[in-house]
PDB file of all heavy atoms in Angstrom:
ATOM      1  N   THR A   1      16.412 -11.513 -17.953  1.00  0.00           N
ATOM      2  CA  THR A   1      15.421 -10.542 -18.437  1.00  0.00           C
ATOM      3  C   THR A   1      14.017 -11.085 -18.234  1.00  0.00           C
ATOM      4  O   THR A   1      13.132 -10.380 -17.769  1.00  0.00           O
ATOM      5  CB  THR A   1      15.663 -10.233 -19.927  1.00  0.00           C
ATOM      6  OG1 THR A   1      16.988  -9.755 -20.078  1.00  0.00           O
ATOM      7  CG2 THR A   1      14.685  -9.190 -20.434  1.00  0.00           C
ATOM      8  N   GLY A   2      13.808 -12.362 -18.546  1.00  0.00           N
ATOM      9  CA  GLY A   2      12.496 -12.981 -18.353  1.00  0.00           C
ATOM     10  C   GLY A   2      12.083 -13.005 -16.896  1.00  0.00           C
ATOM     11  O   GLY A   2      10.943 -12.755 -16.553  1.00  0.00           O
ATOM     12  N   THR A   3      13.036 -13.297 -16.025  1.00  0.00           N
ATOM     13  CA  THR A   3      12.754 -13.323 -14.594  1.00  0.00           C
ATOM     14  C   THR A   3      12.383 -11.930 -14.098  1.00  0.00           C
ATOM     15  O   THR A   3      11.418 -11.770 -13.347  1.00  0.00           O
ATOM     16  CB  THR A   3      13.984 -13.851 -13.813  1.00  0.00           C
ATOM     17  OG1 THR A   3      14.310 -15.140 -14.324  1.00  0.00           O
ATOM     18  CG2 THR A   3      13.704 -13.936 -12.342  1.00  0.00           C
ATOM     19  N   ILE A   4      13.133 -10.936 -14.535  1.00  0.00           N
ATOM     20  CA  ILE A   4      12.837  -9.564 -14.114  1.00  0.00           C
ATOM     21  C   ILE A   4      11.475  -9.133 -14.644  1.00  0.00           C
ATOM     22  O   ILE A   4      10.663  -8.572 -13.920  1.00  0.00           O
ATOM     23  CB  ILE A   4      13.949  -8.600 -14.572  1.00  0.00           C
ATOM     24  CG1 ILE A   4      15.228  -8.890 -13.788  1.00  0.00           C
ATOM     25  CG2 ILE A   4      13.531  -7.140 -14.386  1.00  0.00           C
ATOM     26  CD1 ILE A   4      16.460  -8.172 -14.298  1.00  0.00           C
ATOM     27  N   LEU A   5      11.191  -9.414 -15.919  1.00  0.00           N
ATOM     28  CA  LEU A   5       9.887  -9.068 -16.485  1.00  0.00           C
ATOM     29  C   LEU A   5       8.769  -9.772 -15.744  1.00  0.00           C
ATOM     30  O   LEU A   5       7.747  -9.173 -15.435  1.00  0.00           O
ATOM     31  CB  LEU A   5       9.840  -9.428 -17.970  1.00  0.00           C
ATOM     32  CG  LEU A   5      10.363  -8.388 -18.934  1.00  0.00           C
ATOM     33  CD1 LEU A   5      10.359  -8.933 -20.350  1.00  0.00           C
ATOM     34  CD2 LEU A   5       9.552  -7.117 -18.857  1.00  0.00           C
ATOM     35  N   GLY A   6       8.947 -11.027 -15.463  1.00  0.00           N
ATOM     36  CA  GLY A   6       7.932 -11.788 -14.723  1.00  0.00           C
ATOM     37  C   GLY A   6       7.695 -11.203 -13.348  1.00  0.00           C
ATOM     38  O   GLY A   6       6.563 -11.062 -12.902  1.00  0.00           O
ATOM     39  N   PHE A   7       8.756 -10.813 -12.683  1.00  0.00           N
ATOM     40  CA  PHE A   7       8.639 -10.197 -11.366  1.00  0.00           C
ATOM     41  C   PHE A   7       7.889  -8.879 -11.456  1.00  0.00           C
ATOM     42  O   PHE A   7       7.014  -8.586 -10.653  1.00  0.00           O
ATOM     43  CB  PHE A   7      10.028  -9.982 -10.744  1.00  0.00           C
ATOM     44  CG  PHE A   7       9.964  -9.281  -9.420  1.00  0.00           C
ATOM     45  CD1 PHE A   7       9.548  -9.960  -8.289  1.00  0.00           C
ATOM     46  CD2 PHE A   7      10.308  -7.948  -9.311  1.00  0.00           C
ATOM     47  CE1 PHE A   7       9.479  -9.318  -7.066  1.00  0.00           C
ATOM     48  CE2 PHE A   7      10.232  -7.297  -8.102  1.00  0.00           C
ATOM     49  CZ  PHE A   7       9.823  -7.986  -6.976  1.00  0.00           C
ATOM     50  N   LEU A   8       8.238  -8.063 -12.457  1.00  0.00           N
ATOM     51  CA  LEU A   8       7.568  -6.770 -12.614  1.00  0.00           C
ATOM     52  C   LEU A   8       6.090  -6.939 -12.899  1.00  0.00           C
ATOM     53  O   LEU A   8       5.253  -6.247 -12.339  1.00  0.00           O
ATOM     54  CB  LEU A   8       8.230  -5.945 -13.716  1.00  0.00           C
ATOM     55  CG  LEU A   8       9.623  -5.412 -13.407  1.00  0.00           C
ATOM     56  CD1 LEU A   8      10.220  -4.740 -14.643  1.00  0.00           C
ATOM     57  CD2 LEU A   8       9.590  -4.447 -12.241  1.00  0.00           C
ATOM     58  N   VAL A   9       5.732  -7.868 -13.767  1.00  0.00           N
ATOM     59  CA  VAL A   9       4.331  -8.108 -14.086  1.00  0.00           C
ATOM     60  C   VAL A   9       3.597  -8.640 -12.865  1.00  0.00           C
ATOM     61  O   VAL A   9       2.530  -8.161 -12.502  1.00  0.00           O
ATOM     62  CB  VAL A   9       4.188  -9.076 -15.281  1.00  0.00           C
ATOM     63  CG1 VAL A   9       2.746  -9.525 -15.464  1.00  0.00           C
ATOM     64  CG2 VAL A   9       4.714  -8.428 -16.550  1.00  0.00           C
ATOM     65  N   PHE A  10       4.185  -9.620 -12.194  1.00  0.00           N
ATOM     66  CA  PHE A  10       3.543 -10.168 -11.000  1.00  0.00           C
ATOM     67  C   PHE A  10       3.465  -9.119  -9.911  1.00  0.00           C
ATOM     68  O   PHE A  10       2.445  -8.949  -9.271  1.00  0.00           O
ATOM     69  CB  PHE A  10       4.308 -11.398 -10.483  1.00  0.00           C
ATOM     70  CG  PHE A  10       3.736 -11.914  -9.199  1.00  0.00           C
ATOM     71  CD1 PHE A  10       2.548 -12.640  -9.203  1.00  0.00           C
ATOM     72  CD2 PHE A  10       4.354 -11.650  -7.981  1.00  0.00           C
ATOM     73  CE1 PHE A  10       1.999 -13.100  -8.010  1.00  0.00           C
ATOM     74  CE2 PHE A  10       3.809 -12.110  -6.795  1.00  0.00           C
ATOM     75  CZ  PHE A  10       2.629 -12.844  -6.813  1.00  0.00           C
ATOM     76  N   GLY A  11       4.552  -8.389  -9.714  1.00  0.00           N
ATOM     77  CA  GLY A  11       4.577  -7.355  -8.676  1.00  0.00           C
ATOM     78  C   GLY A  11       3.550  -6.274  -8.929  1.00  0.00           C
ATOM     79  O   GLY A  11       2.873  -5.817  -8.017  1.00  0.00           O
ATOM     80  N   ALA A  12       3.379  -5.879 -10.180  1.00  0.00           N
ATOM     81  CA  ALA A  12       2.408  -4.852 -10.508  1.00  0.00           C
ATOM     82  C   ALA A  12       0.985  -5.351 -10.283  1.00  0.00           C
ATOM     83  O   ALA A  12       0.126  -4.602  -9.842  1.00  0.00           O
ATOM     84  CB  ALA A  12       2.580  -4.400 -11.962  1.00  0.00           C
ATOM     85  N   SER A  13       0.742  -6.620 -10.557  1.00  0.00           N
ATOM     86  CA  SER A  13      -0.612  -7.126 -10.382  1.00  0.00           C
ATOM     87  C   SER A  13      -0.942  -7.395  -8.916  1.00  0.00           C
ATOM     88  O   SER A  13      -2.093  -7.507  -8.548  1.00  0.00           O
ATOM     89  CB  SER A  13      -0.817  -8.392 -11.204  1.00  0.00           C
ATOM     90  OG  SER A  13       0.010  -9.420 -10.713  1.00  0.00           O
ATOM     91  N   ALA A  14       0.067  -7.476  -8.071  1.00  0.00           N
ATOM     92  CA  ALA A  14      -0.169  -7.700  -6.651  1.00  0.00           C
ATOM     93  C   ALA A  14      -0.806  -6.482  -5.994  1.00  0.00           C
ATOM     94  O   ALA A  14      -1.514  -6.603  -5.015  1.00  0.00           O
ATOM     95  CB  ALA A  14       1.138  -8.064  -5.938  1.00  0.00           C
ATOM     96  N   PHE A  15      -0.561  -5.302  -6.541  1.00  0.00           N
ATOM     97  CA  PHE A  15      -1.149  -4.079  -6.029  1.00  0.00           C
ATOM     98  C   PHE A  15      -2.152  -3.554  -7.039  1.00  0.00           C
ATOM     99  O   PHE A  15      -1.792  -3.222  -8.153  1.00  0.00           O
ATOM    100  CB  PHE A  15      -0.064  -3.008  -5.784  1.00  0.00           C
ATOM    101  CG  PHE A  15       0.921  -3.408  -4.738  1.00  0.00           C
ATOM    102  CD1 PHE A  15       2.154  -3.918  -5.094  1.00  0.00           C
ATOM    103  CD2 PHE A  15       0.609  -3.308  -3.400  1.00  0.00           C
ATOM    104  CE1 PHE A  15       3.074  -4.301  -4.133  1.00  0.00           C
ATOM    105  CE2 PHE A  15       1.509  -3.684  -2.424  1.00  0.00           C
ATOM    106  CZ  PHE A  15       2.743  -4.184  -2.792  1.00  0.00           C
ATOM    107  N   ALA A  16      -3.395  -3.505  -6.628  1.00  0.00           N
ATOM    108  CA  ALA A  16      -4.430  -3.012  -7.537  1.00  0.00           C
ATOM    109  C   ALA A  16      -4.299  -1.497  -7.681  1.00  0.00           C
ATOM    110  O   ALA A  16      -4.115  -0.787  -6.697  1.00  0.00           O
ATOM    111  CB  ALA A  16      -5.800  -3.373  -7.005  1.00  0.00           C
ATOM    112  N   ALA A  17      -4.373  -1.031  -8.882  1.00  0.00           N
ATOM    113  CA  ALA A  17      -4.316   0.402  -9.134  1.00  0.00           C
ATOM    114  C   ALA A  17      -5.703   1.001  -8.912  1.00  0.00           C
ATOM    115  O   ALA A  17      -6.711   0.330  -9.077  1.00  0.00           O
ATOM    116  CB  ALA A  17      -3.855   0.666 -10.562  1.00  0.00           C
ATOM    117  N   VAL A  18      -5.721   2.249  -8.538  1.00  0.00           N
ATOM    118  CA  VAL A  18      -6.979   2.957  -8.343  1.00  0.00           C
ATOM    119  C   VAL A  18      -7.553   3.285  -9.716  1.00  0.00           C
ATOM    120  O   VAL A  18      -6.875   3.848 -10.561  1.00  0.00           O
ATOM    121  CB  VAL A  18      -6.761   4.254  -7.534  1.00  0.00           C
ATOM    122  CG1 VAL A  18      -8.070   5.021  -7.374  1.00  0.00           C
ATOM    123  CG2 VAL A  18      -6.140   3.949  -6.181  1.00  0.00           C
ATOM    124  N   GLU A  19      -8.795   2.924  -9.937  1.00  0.00           N
ATOM    125  CA  GLU A  19      -9.495   3.250 -11.175  1.00  0.00           C
ATOM    126  C   GLU A  19     -10.275   4.525 -10.929  1.00  0.00           C
ATOM    127  O   GLU A  19     -11.391   4.490 -10.425  1.00  0.00           O
ATOM    128  CB  GLU A  19     -10.468   2.138 -11.564  1.00  0.00           C
ATOM    129  CG  GLU A  19      -9.836   0.898 -12.106  1.00  0.00           C
ATOM    130  CD  GLU A  19     -10.910  -0.106 -12.523  1.00  0.00           C
ATOM    131  OE1 GLU A  19     -11.893   0.286 -13.165  1.00  0.00           O
ATOM    132  OE2 GLU A  19     -10.738  -1.278 -12.177  1.00  0.00           O
ATOM    133  N   TRP A  20      -9.693   5.664 -11.253  1.00  0.00           N
ATOM    134  CA  TRP A  20     -10.350   6.947 -11.014  1.00  0.00           C
ATOM    135  C   TRP A  20     -11.534   7.107 -11.949  1.00  0.00           C
ATOM    136  O   TRP A  20     -11.388   6.996 -13.167  1.00  0.00           O
ATOM    137  CB  TRP A  20      -9.356   8.093 -11.204  1.00  0.00           C
ATOM    138  CG  TRP A  20      -8.395   8.181 -10.073  1.00  0.00           C
ATOM    139  CD1 TRP A  20      -7.151   7.629 -10.014  1.00  0.00           C
ATOM    140  CD2 TRP A  20      -8.604   8.836  -8.825  1.00  0.00           C
ATOM    141  NE1 TRP A  20      -6.573   7.911  -8.806  1.00  0.00           N
ATOM    142  CE2 TRP A  20      -7.443   8.653  -8.049  1.00  0.00           C
ATOM    143  CE3 TRP A  20      -9.661   9.573  -8.288  1.00  0.00           C
ATOM    144  CZ2 TRP A  20      -7.296   9.171  -6.768  1.00  0.00           C
ATOM    145  CZ3 TRP A  20      -9.520  10.088  -7.005  1.00  0.00           C
ATOM    146  CH2 TRP A  20      -8.352   9.883  -6.257  1.00  0.00           C
ATOM    147  N   GLN A  21     -12.668   7.383 -11.389  1.00  0.00           N
ATOM    148  CA  GLN A  21     -13.877   7.650 -12.146  1.00  0.00           C
ATOM    149  C   GLN A  21     -13.949   9.148 -12.457  1.00  0.00           C
ATOM    150  O   GLN A  21     -13.351   9.968 -11.761  1.00  0.00           O
ATOM    151  CB  GLN A  21     -15.113   7.229 -11.354  1.00  0.00           C
ATOM    152  CG  GLN A  21     -15.098   5.784 -10.897  1.00  0.00           C
ATOM    153  CD  GLN A  21     -15.140   4.807 -12.051  1.00  0.00           C
ATOM    154  OE1 GLN A  21     -15.989   4.897 -12.924  1.00  0.00           O
ATOM    155  NE2 GLN A  21     -14.188   3.879 -12.060  1.00  0.00           N
ATOM    156  N   THR A  22     -14.707   9.496 -13.470  1.00  0.00           N
ATOM    157  CA  THR A  22     -14.883  10.907 -13.825  1.00  0.00           C
ATOM    158  C   THR A  22     -16.354  11.320 -13.773  1.00  0.00           C
ATOM    159  O   THR A  22     -16.680  12.452 -14.086  1.00  0.00           O
ATOM    160  CB  THR A  22     -14.313  11.196 -15.228  1.00  0.00           C
ATOM    161  OG1 THR A  22     -14.944  10.317 -16.167  1.00  0.00           O
ATOM    162  CG2 THR A  22     -12.804  11.003 -15.253  1.00  0.00           C
ATOM    163  N   SER A  23     -17.216  10.398 -13.382  1.00  0.00           N
ATOM    164  CA  SER A  23     -18.645  10.663 -13.268  1.00  0.00           C
ATOM    165  C   SER A  23     -19.126  10.244 -11.886  1.00  0.00           C
ATOM    166  O   SER A  23     -18.912   9.094 -11.470  1.00  0.00           O
ATOM    167  CB  SER A  23     -19.410   9.892 -14.345  1.00  0.00           C
ATOM    168  OG  SER A  23     -20.776   9.779 -14.014  1.00  0.00           O
ATOM    169  N   TYR A  24     -19.785  11.165 -11.188  1.00  0.00           N
ATOM    170  CA  TYR A  24     -20.307  10.876  -9.857  1.00  0.00           C
ATOM    171  C   TYR A  24     -21.338   9.748  -9.923  1.00  0.00           C
ATOM    172  O   TYR A  24     -21.295   8.814  -9.124  1.00  0.00           O
ATOM    173  CB  TYR A  24     -20.909  12.146  -9.258  1.00  0.00           C
ATOM    174  CG  TYR A  24     -21.485  11.954  -7.876  1.00  0.00           C
ATOM    175  CD1 TYR A  24     -20.658  11.722  -6.788  1.00  0.00           C
ATOM    176  CD2 TYR A  24     -22.857  12.018  -7.662  1.00  0.00           C
ATOM    177  CE1 TYR A  24     -21.178  11.545  -5.510  1.00  0.00           C
ATOM    178  CE2 TYR A  24     -23.383  11.854  -6.396  1.00  0.00           C
ATOM    179  CZ  TYR A  24     -22.546  11.616  -5.324  1.00  0.00           C
ATOM    180  OH  TYR A  24     -23.061  11.447  -4.059  1.00  0.00           O
ATOM    181  N   ASP A  25     -22.261   9.825 -10.877  1.00  0.00           N
ATOM    182  CA  ASP A  25     -23.301   8.803 -10.999  1.00  0.00           C
ATOM    183  C   ASP A  25     -22.717   7.424 -11.285  1.00  0.00           C
ATOM    184  O   ASP A  25     -23.152   6.429 -10.720  1.00  0.00           O
ATOM    185  CB  ASP A  25     -24.318   9.185 -12.075  1.00  0.00           C
ATOM    186  CG  ASP A  25     -25.146  10.401 -11.677  1.00  0.00           C
ATOM    187  OD1 ASP A  25     -25.316  10.653 -10.461  1.00  0.00           O
ATOM    188  OD2 ASP A  25     -25.620  11.118 -12.592  1.00  0.00           O
ATOM    189  N   MET A  26     -21.707   7.378 -12.153  1.00  0.00           N
ATOM    190  CA  MET A  26     -21.062   6.100 -12.455  1.00  0.00           C
ATOM    191  C   MET A  26     -20.312   5.566 -11.242  1.00  0.00           C
ATOM    192  O   MET A  26     -20.286   4.361 -10.981  1.00  0.00           O
ATOM    193  CB  MET A  26     -20.150   6.225 -13.665  1.00  0.00           C
ATOM    194  CG  MET A  26     -20.944   6.389 -14.952  1.00  0.00           C
ATOM    195  SD  MET A  26     -19.942   6.736 -16.420  1.00  0.00           S
ATOM    196  CE  MET A  26     -18.979   5.264 -16.570  1.00  0.00           C
ATOM    197  N   ALA A  27     -19.699   6.468 -10.473  1.00  0.00           N
ATOM    198  CA  ALA A  27     -18.991   6.054  -9.260  1.00  0.00           C
ATOM    199  C   ALA A  27     -19.977   5.467  -8.237  1.00  0.00           C
ATOM    200  O   ALA A  27     -19.687   4.439  -7.613  1.00  0.00           O
ATOM    201  CB  ALA A  27     -18.236   7.235  -8.657  1.00  0.00           C
ATOM    202  N   LEU A  28     -21.148   6.111  -8.079  1.00  0.00           N
ATOM    203  CA  LEU A  28     -22.162   5.578  -7.163  1.00  0.00           C
ATOM    204  C   LEU A  28     -22.648   4.199  -7.615  1.00  0.00           C
ATOM    205  O   LEU A  28     -22.778   3.287  -6.784  1.00  0.00           O
ATOM    206  CB  LEU A  28     -23.365   6.534  -7.077  1.00  0.00           C
ATOM    207  CG  LEU A  28     -23.254   7.707  -6.128  1.00  0.00           C
ATOM    208  CD1 LEU A  28     -24.512   8.566  -6.207  1.00  0.00           C
ATOM    209  CD2 LEU A  28     -22.998   7.266  -4.706  1.00  0.00           C
ATOM    210  N   ALA A  29     -22.875   4.047  -8.905  1.00  0.00           N
ATOM    211  CA  ALA A  29     -23.333   2.760  -9.434  1.00  0.00           C
ATOM    212  C   ALA A  29     -22.280   1.669  -9.202  1.00  0.00           C
ATOM    213  O   ALA A  29     -22.608   0.556  -8.786  1.00  0.00           O
ATOM    214  CB  ALA A  29     -23.661   2.881 -10.921  1.00  0.00           C
ATOM    215  N   LYS A  30     -21.023   2.005  -9.450  1.00  0.00           N
ATOM    216  CA  LYS A  30     -19.928   1.048  -9.232  1.00  0.00           C
ATOM    217  C   LYS A  30     -19.815   0.696  -7.743  1.00  0.00           C
ATOM    218  O   LYS A  30     -19.615  -0.456  -7.377  1.00  0.00           O
ATOM    219  CB  LYS A  30     -18.616   1.619  -9.762  1.00  0.00           C
ATOM    220  CG  LYS A  30     -17.437   0.650  -9.663  1.00  0.00           C
ATOM    221  CD  LYS A  30     -16.256   1.173 -10.459  1.00  0.00           C
ATOM    222  CE  LYS A  30     -15.017   0.350 -10.304  1.00  0.00           C
ATOM    223  NZ  LYS A  30     -15.165  -1.087 -10.371  1.00  0.00           N
ATOM    224  N   ALA A  31     -19.968   1.703  -6.880  1.00  0.00           N
ATOM    225  CA  ALA A  31     -19.890   1.468  -5.433  1.00  0.00           C
ATOM    226  C   ALA A  31     -21.010   0.537  -4.966  1.00  0.00           C
ATOM    227  O   ALA A  31     -20.787  -0.340  -4.128  1.00  0.00           O
ATOM    228  CB  ALA A  31     -19.948   2.797  -4.684  1.00  0.00           C
ATOM    229  N   LYS A  32     -22.196   0.721  -5.505  1.00  0.00           N
ATOM    230  CA  LYS A  32     -23.320  -0.169  -5.146  1.00  0.00           C
ATOM    231  C   LYS A  32     -23.015  -1.590  -5.567  1.00  0.00           C
ATOM    232  O   LYS A  32     -23.224  -2.537  -4.808  1.00  0.00           O
ATOM    233  CB  LYS A  32     -24.614   0.307  -5.805  1.00  0.00           C
ATOM    234  CG  LYS A  32     -25.229   1.500  -5.118  1.00  0.00           C
ATOM    235  CD  LYS A  32     -26.518   1.938  -5.788  1.00  0.00           C
ATOM    236  CE  LYS A  32     -27.009   3.197  -5.099  1.00  0.00           C
ATOM    237  NZ  LYS A  32     -28.213   3.743  -5.718  1.00  0.00           N
ATOM    238  N   LYS A  33     -22.522  -1.728  -6.791  1.00  0.00           N
ATOM    239  CA  LYS A  33     -22.202  -3.056  -7.326  1.00  0.00           C
ATOM    240  C   LYS A  33     -21.092  -3.728  -6.502  1.00  0.00           C
ATOM    241  O   LYS A  33     -21.189  -4.909  -6.173  1.00  0.00           O
ATOM    242  CB  LYS A  33     -21.786  -2.931  -8.790  1.00  0.00           C
ATOM    243  CG  LYS A  33     -21.542  -4.262  -9.482  1.00  0.00           C
ATOM    244  CD  LYS A  33     -21.153  -4.061 -10.931  1.00  0.00           C
ATOM    245  CE  LYS A  33     -19.796  -4.171 -11.166  1.00  0.00           C
ATOM    246  NZ  LYS A  33     -18.684  -4.523 -11.498  1.00  0.00           N
ATOM    247  N   ASP A  34     -20.052  -2.958  -6.164  1.00  0.00           N
ATOM    248  CA  ASP A  34     -18.890  -3.500  -5.470  1.00  0.00           C
ATOM    249  C   ASP A  34     -19.001  -3.444  -3.947  1.00  0.00           C
ATOM    250  O   ASP A  34     -18.096  -3.888  -3.245  1.00  0.00           O
ATOM    251  CB  ASP A  34     -17.629  -2.748  -5.901  1.00  0.00           C
ATOM    252  CG  ASP A  34     -17.306  -2.918  -7.370  1.00  0.00           C
ATOM    253  OD1 ASP A  34     -17.892  -3.814  -8.025  1.00  0.00           O
ATOM    254  OD2 ASP A  34     -16.468  -2.155  -7.880  1.00  0.00           O
ATOM    255  N   LYS A  35     -20.096  -2.841  -3.439  1.00  0.00           N
ATOM    256  CA  LYS A  35     -20.315  -2.694  -1.981  1.00  0.00           C
ATOM    257  C   LYS A  35     -19.160  -1.938  -1.329  1.00  0.00           C
ATOM    258  O   LYS A  35     -18.531  -2.408  -0.382  1.00  0.00           O
ATOM    259  CB  LYS A  35     -20.543  -4.047  -1.337  1.00  0.00           C
ATOM    260  CG  LYS A  35     -21.810  -4.725  -1.829  1.00  0.00           C
ATOM    261  CD  LYS A  35     -22.050  -6.032  -1.122  1.00  0.00           C
ATOM    262  CE  LYS A  35     -23.383  -6.592  -1.506  1.00  0.00           C
ATOM    263  NZ  LYS A  35     -23.424  -7.560  -2.510  1.00  0.00           N
ATOM    264  N   LYS A  36     -18.884  -0.740  -1.876  1.00  0.00           N
ATOM    265  CA  LYS A  36     -17.804   0.112  -1.379  1.00  0.00           C
ATOM    266  C   LYS A  36     -18.337   1.516  -1.118  1.00  0.00           C
ATOM    267  O   LYS A  36     -19.432   1.872  -1.549  1.00  0.00           O
ATOM    268  CB  LYS A  36     -16.673   0.211  -2.403  1.00  0.00           C
ATOM    269  CG  LYS A  36     -15.949  -1.082  -2.663  1.00  0.00           C
ATOM    270  CD  LYS A  36     -14.824  -0.874  -3.667  1.00  0.00           C
ATOM    271  CE  LYS A  36     -14.008  -2.128  -3.890  1.00  0.00           C
ATOM    272  NZ  LYS A  36     -12.866  -1.863  -4.796  1.00  0.00           N
ATOM    273  N   LEU A  37     -17.554   2.311  -0.441  1.00  0.00           N
ATOM    274  CA  LEU A  37     -17.831   3.735  -0.289  1.00  0.00           C
ATOM    275  C   LEU A  37     -17.277   4.473  -1.501  1.00  0.00           C
ATOM    276  O   LEU A  37     -16.402   3.977  -2.194  1.00  0.00           O
ATOM    277  CB  LEU A  37     -17.151   4.283   0.970  1.00  0.00           C
ATOM    278  CG  LEU A  37     -17.690   3.798   2.304  1.00  0.00           C
ATOM    279  CD1 LEU A  37     -16.773   4.267   3.434  1.00  0.00           C
ATOM    280  CD2 LEU A  37     -19.104   4.295   2.528  1.00  0.00           C
ATOM    281  N   VAL A  38     -17.774   5.681  -1.707  1.00  0.00           N
ATOM    282  CA  VAL A  38     -17.257   6.531  -2.765  1.00  0.00           C
ATOM    283  C   VAL A  38     -16.409   7.627  -2.134  1.00  0.00           C
ATOM    284  O   VAL A  38     -16.831   8.260  -1.161  1.00  0.00           O
ATOM    285  CB  VAL A  38     -18.393   7.170  -3.592  1.00  0.00           C
ATOM    286  CG1 VAL A  38     -17.830   8.120  -4.658  1.00  0.00           C
ATOM    287  CG2 VAL A  38     -19.256   6.111  -4.238  1.00  0.00           C
TER     288      VAL A  38
END
């Protein structure tokens, strides 16, 4: 059980989830900070 849990936690952290924004202005600010497109 510990091995499976560890694998699931590690496996989940290996793929970053999309952090959906709900504000255009906040998305632009985050994109500037992170040097990404929106």
